[in-house]
């Protein structure tokens, strides 16, 4: 997102799209990263659907495969959907 202005020594105000109007647009410098976006890897915001509490609204898909990978004490569920 485009940086609009610097707020103090450690914060910046960003230009957020209308879909993110409920998100506060001022961020601490530690929350920001320089973006070298590769267009094929960028996720378009118009493809995301958010409800009024900014939770993702997901469409139902067909479950193709499911497995669980174990990493020491953690388990990681892997799900393939179509």
N, C-alpha and C. Protein backbone atom coordinates (compact mmCIF):
# COMPACT_ATOMS: atom_id res chain seq x y z
N UNK A 1 0.85 -1.18 0.00
CA UNK A 1 0.00 0.00 0.00
C UNK A 1 0.89 1.24 0.00
N UNK A 2 0.39 2.29 -0.55
CA UNK A 2 1.17 3.52 -0.66
C UNK A 2 1.22 4.23 0.70
N UNK A 3 2.40 4.72 1.06
CA UNK A 3 2.58 5.47 2.30
C UNK A 3 2.18 6.92 2.02
N UNK A 4 1.24 7.44 2.81
CA UNK A 4 0.75 8.81 2.62
C UNK A 4 1.59 9.83 3.36
N UNK A 5 1.92 9.51 4.63
CA UNK A 5 2.69 10.47 5.41
C UNK A 5 3.36 9.78 6.59
N UNK A 6 4.38 10.43 7.10
CA UNK A 6 5.07 9.96 8.29
C UNK A 6 4.41 10.60 9.50
N UNK A 7 4.12 9.79 10.51
CA UNK A 7 3.48 10.28 11.73
C UNK A 7 4.47 10.09 12.87
N UNK A 8 5.10 11.16 13.28
CA UNK A 8 6.11 11.06 14.33
C UNK A 8 7.38 10.39 13.80
N UNK A 9 8.14 9.80 14.73
CA UNK A 9 9.41 9.18 14.36
C UNK A 9 9.28 7.73 13.93
N UNK A 10 8.22 7.03 14.38
CA UNK A 10 8.17 5.58 14.16
C UNK A 10 6.85 5.07 13.58
N UNK A 11 6.05 5.94 12.98
CA UNK A 11 4.77 5.50 12.43
C UNK A 11 4.52 6.11 11.06
N UNK A 12 3.74 5.40 10.27
CA UNK A 12 3.39 5.85 8.93
C UNK A 12 1.90 5.65 8.68
N UNK A 13 1.31 6.57 7.94
CA UNK A 13 -0.09 6.46 7.54
C UNK A 13 -0.12 5.94 6.11
N UNK A 14 -0.89 4.87 5.87
CA UNK A 14 -0.94 4.23 4.56
C UNK A 14 -2.29 4.43 3.90
N UNK A 15 -2.28 4.39 2.59
CA UNK A 15 -3.50 4.49 1.79
C UNK A 15 -4.07 3.09 1.61
N UNK A 16 -5.14 2.77 2.36
CA UNK A 16 -5.76 1.45 2.29
C UNK A 16 -6.98 1.49 1.38
N UNK A 17 -7.30 0.38 0.71
CA UNK A 17 -8.48 0.35 -0.15
C UNK A 17 -9.76 0.37 0.67
N UNK A 18 -10.87 0.62 0.02
CA UNK A 18 -12.18 0.72 0.68
C UNK A 18 -12.55 -0.57 1.42
N UNK A 19 -12.13 -1.72 0.90
CA UNK A 19 -12.46 -3.00 1.56
C UNK A 19 -11.86 -3.08 2.96
N UNK A 20 -10.78 -2.34 3.20
CA UNK A 20 -10.12 -2.36 4.50
C UNK A 20 -10.40 -1.09 5.29
N UNK A 21 -11.55 -0.49 5.08
CA UNK A 21 -11.88 0.79 5.72
C UNK A 21 -11.99 0.66 7.24
N UNK A 22 -12.25 -0.54 7.76
CA UNK A 22 -12.36 -0.72 9.21
C UNK A 22 -11.01 -0.98 9.87
N UNK A 23 -9.95 -1.07 9.08
CA UNK A 23 -8.60 -1.26 9.62
C UNK A 23 -7.98 0.12 9.82
N UNK A 24 -7.36 0.32 10.98
CA UNK A 24 -6.69 1.59 11.25
C UNK A 24 -5.54 1.76 10.27
N UNK A 25 -5.41 2.91 9.66
CA UNK A 25 -4.44 3.09 8.58
C UNK A 25 -3.08 3.62 9.02
N UNK A 26 -2.80 3.69 10.32
CA UNK A 26 -1.50 4.13 10.81
C UNK A 26 -0.78 2.93 11.41
N UNK A 27 0.47 2.69 10.97
CA UNK A 27 1.21 1.51 11.37
C UNK A 27 2.57 1.89 11.93
N UNK A 28 3.02 1.15 12.94
CA UNK A 28 4.36 1.32 13.50
C UNK A 28 5.37 0.80 12.47
N UNK A 29 6.54 1.38 12.45
CA UNK A 29 7.56 1.03 11.46
C UNK A 29 7.93 -0.46 11.53
N UNK A 30 7.83 -1.10 12.69
CA UNK A 30 8.14 -2.52 12.81
C UNK A 30 7.10 -3.40 12.12
N UNK A 31 5.91 -2.88 11.87
CA UNK A 31 4.86 -3.65 11.20
C UNK A 31 4.95 -3.57 9.68
N UNK A 32 5.82 -2.71 9.17
CA UNK A 32 5.91 -2.50 7.72
C UNK A 32 7.14 -3.20 7.15
N UNK A 33 6.99 -3.70 5.92
CA UNK A 33 8.11 -4.30 5.19
C UNK A 33 8.12 -3.73 3.78
N UNK A 34 9.30 -3.55 3.24
CA UNK A 34 9.39 -3.10 1.86
C UNK A 34 8.90 -4.23 0.96
N UNK A 35 8.09 -3.88 0.00
CA UNK A 35 7.47 -4.89 -0.85
C UNK A 35 8.09 -4.86 -2.24
N UNK A 36 8.67 -5.97 -2.63
CA UNK A 36 9.15 -6.16 -3.99
C UNK A 36 8.20 -7.17 -4.63
N UNK A 37 7.02 -6.71 -4.99
CA UNK A 37 5.96 -7.61 -5.43
C UNK A 37 6.25 -8.21 -6.80
N UNK A 38 6.05 -9.50 -6.88
CA UNK A 38 6.08 -10.21 -8.14
C UNK A 38 4.62 -10.41 -8.53
N UNK A 39 4.18 -9.76 -9.58
CA UNK A 39 2.75 -9.73 -9.93
C UNK A 39 2.08 -11.09 -9.94
N UNK A 40 2.68 -12.17 -10.49
CA UNK A 40 1.99 -13.46 -10.45
C UNK A 40 1.78 -13.99 -9.04
N UNK A 41 2.61 -13.56 -8.08
CA UNK A 41 2.49 -14.04 -6.71
C UNK A 41 1.60 -13.15 -5.85
N UNK A 42 1.27 -11.96 -6.32
CA UNK A 42 0.44 -11.04 -5.54
C UNK A 42 -1.00 -11.52 -5.51
N UNK A 43 -1.62 -11.43 -4.34
CA UNK A 43 -3.02 -11.83 -4.19
C UNK A 43 -3.89 -10.60 -4.41
N UNK A 44 -4.78 -10.63 -5.41
CA UNK A 44 -5.64 -9.46 -5.65
C UNK A 44 -6.68 -9.33 -4.54
N UNK A 45 -6.86 -8.11 -4.04
CA UNK A 45 -7.82 -7.89 -2.97
C UNK A 45 -9.26 -8.05 -3.43
N UNK A 46 -9.52 -7.83 -4.72
CA UNK A 46 -10.90 -7.95 -5.18
C UNK A 46 -11.38 -9.40 -5.16
N UNK A 47 -10.48 -10.36 -5.05
CA UNK A 47 -10.87 -11.77 -4.96
C UNK A 47 -11.19 -12.20 -3.54
N UNK A 48 -10.91 -11.35 -2.56
CA UNK A 48 -11.17 -11.67 -1.16
C UNK A 48 -12.51 -11.11 -0.73
N UNK A 49 -13.24 -11.89 0.05
CA UNK A 49 -14.52 -11.43 0.56
C UNK A 49 -14.43 -11.39 2.09
N UNK A 50 -14.69 -10.22 2.66
CA UNK A 50 -14.62 -10.02 4.11
C UNK A 50 -15.99 -9.67 4.63
N UNK A 51 -16.31 -10.18 5.84
CA UNK A 51 -17.58 -9.79 6.45
C UNK A 51 -17.38 -8.51 7.25
N UNK A 52 -18.40 -8.08 7.99
CA UNK A 52 -18.32 -6.80 8.70
C UNK A 52 -17.32 -6.80 9.85
N UNK A 53 -16.86 -7.99 10.31
CA UNK A 53 -15.85 -8.08 11.35
C UNK A 53 -14.47 -8.40 10.77
N UNK A 54 -14.33 -8.22 9.45
CA UNK A 54 -13.08 -8.45 8.72
C UNK A 54 -12.60 -9.89 8.79
N UNK A 55 -13.54 -10.84 8.86
CA UNK A 55 -13.22 -12.26 8.76
C UNK A 55 -13.39 -12.67 7.30
N UNK A 56 -12.57 -13.60 6.84
CA UNK A 56 -12.69 -14.08 5.48
C UNK A 56 -13.98 -14.87 5.31
N UNK A 57 -14.68 -14.63 4.22
CA UNK A 57 -15.85 -15.41 3.85
C UNK A 57 -15.37 -16.41 2.81
N UNK A 58 -15.46 -17.68 3.16
CA UNK A 58 -14.91 -18.71 2.30
C UNK A 58 -16.02 -19.42 1.53
N UNK A 59 -15.73 -19.74 0.29
CA UNK A 59 -16.66 -20.53 -0.51
C UNK A 59 -16.38 -22.01 -0.25
N UNK A 60 -17.44 -22.82 -0.25
CA UNK A 60 -17.28 -24.26 -0.05
C UNK A 60 -16.59 -24.87 -1.26
N UNK A 61 -15.69 -25.80 -1.01
CA UNK A 61 -14.99 -26.50 -2.08
C UNK A 61 -15.07 -28.00 -1.83
N UNK A 62 -14.67 -28.76 -2.82
CA UNK A 62 -14.69 -30.21 -2.70
C UNK A 62 -13.38 -30.68 -2.08
N UNK A 63 -13.46 -31.50 -1.04
CA UNK A 63 -12.29 -32.03 -0.36
C UNK A 63 -11.67 -33.13 -1.21
N UNK A 64 -10.44 -32.93 -1.64
CA UNK A 64 -9.77 -33.89 -2.52
C UNK A 64 -8.89 -34.86 -1.74
N UNK A 65 -8.16 -34.35 -0.76
CA UNK A 65 -7.22 -35.18 -0.01
C UNK A 65 -6.95 -34.53 1.34
N UNK A 66 -6.67 -35.37 2.34
CA UNK A 66 -6.35 -34.85 3.67
C UNK A 66 -5.27 -35.75 4.28
N UNK A 67 -4.28 -35.12 4.91
CA UNK A 67 -3.27 -35.86 5.64
C UNK A 67 -2.72 -34.99 6.76
N UNK A 68 -2.03 -35.62 7.69
CA UNK A 68 -1.47 -34.90 8.83
C UNK A 68 0.03 -35.17 8.87
N UNK A 69 0.82 -34.11 8.90
CA UNK A 69 2.27 -34.22 9.03
C UNK A 69 2.64 -33.90 10.48
N UNK A 70 3.55 -34.69 11.04
CA UNK A 70 4.00 -34.47 12.41
C UNK A 70 5.38 -33.84 12.39
N UNK A 71 5.55 -32.79 13.18
CA UNK A 71 6.82 -32.09 13.31
C UNK A 71 7.15 -32.01 14.79
N UNK A 72 7.96 -32.94 15.26
CA UNK A 72 8.27 -33.08 16.69
C UNK A 72 6.97 -33.18 17.48
N UNK A 73 6.60 -32.16 18.23
CA UNK A 73 5.39 -32.21 19.05
C UNK A 73 4.19 -31.57 18.37
N UNK A 74 4.38 -31.03 17.17
CA UNK A 74 3.29 -30.32 16.48
C UNK A 74 2.73 -31.20 15.37
N UNK A 75 1.45 -31.01 15.11
CA UNK A 75 0.84 -31.70 13.98
C UNK A 75 0.31 -30.64 13.03
N UNK A 76 0.55 -30.87 11.74
CA UNK A 76 0.17 -29.91 10.71
C UNK A 76 -0.83 -30.58 9.77
N UNK A 77 -2.10 -30.18 9.83
CA UNK A 77 -3.07 -30.76 8.90
C UNK A 77 -2.90 -30.16 7.50
N UNK A 78 -2.83 -31.01 6.50
CA UNK A 78 -2.72 -30.59 5.10
C UNK A 78 -4.00 -31.01 4.39
N UNK A 79 -4.65 -30.08 3.74
CA UNK A 79 -5.92 -30.34 3.07
C UNK A 79 -5.84 -29.83 1.64
N UNK A 80 -6.24 -30.67 0.69
CA UNK A 80 -6.28 -30.27 -0.71
C UNK A 80 -7.75 -30.16 -1.12
N UNK A 81 -8.14 -28.98 -1.60
CA UNK A 81 -9.53 -28.74 -2.01
C UNK A 81 -9.57 -28.27 -3.46
N UNK A 82 -10.72 -28.45 -4.06
CA UNK A 82 -10.92 -27.97 -5.43
C UNK A 82 -12.12 -27.06 -5.43
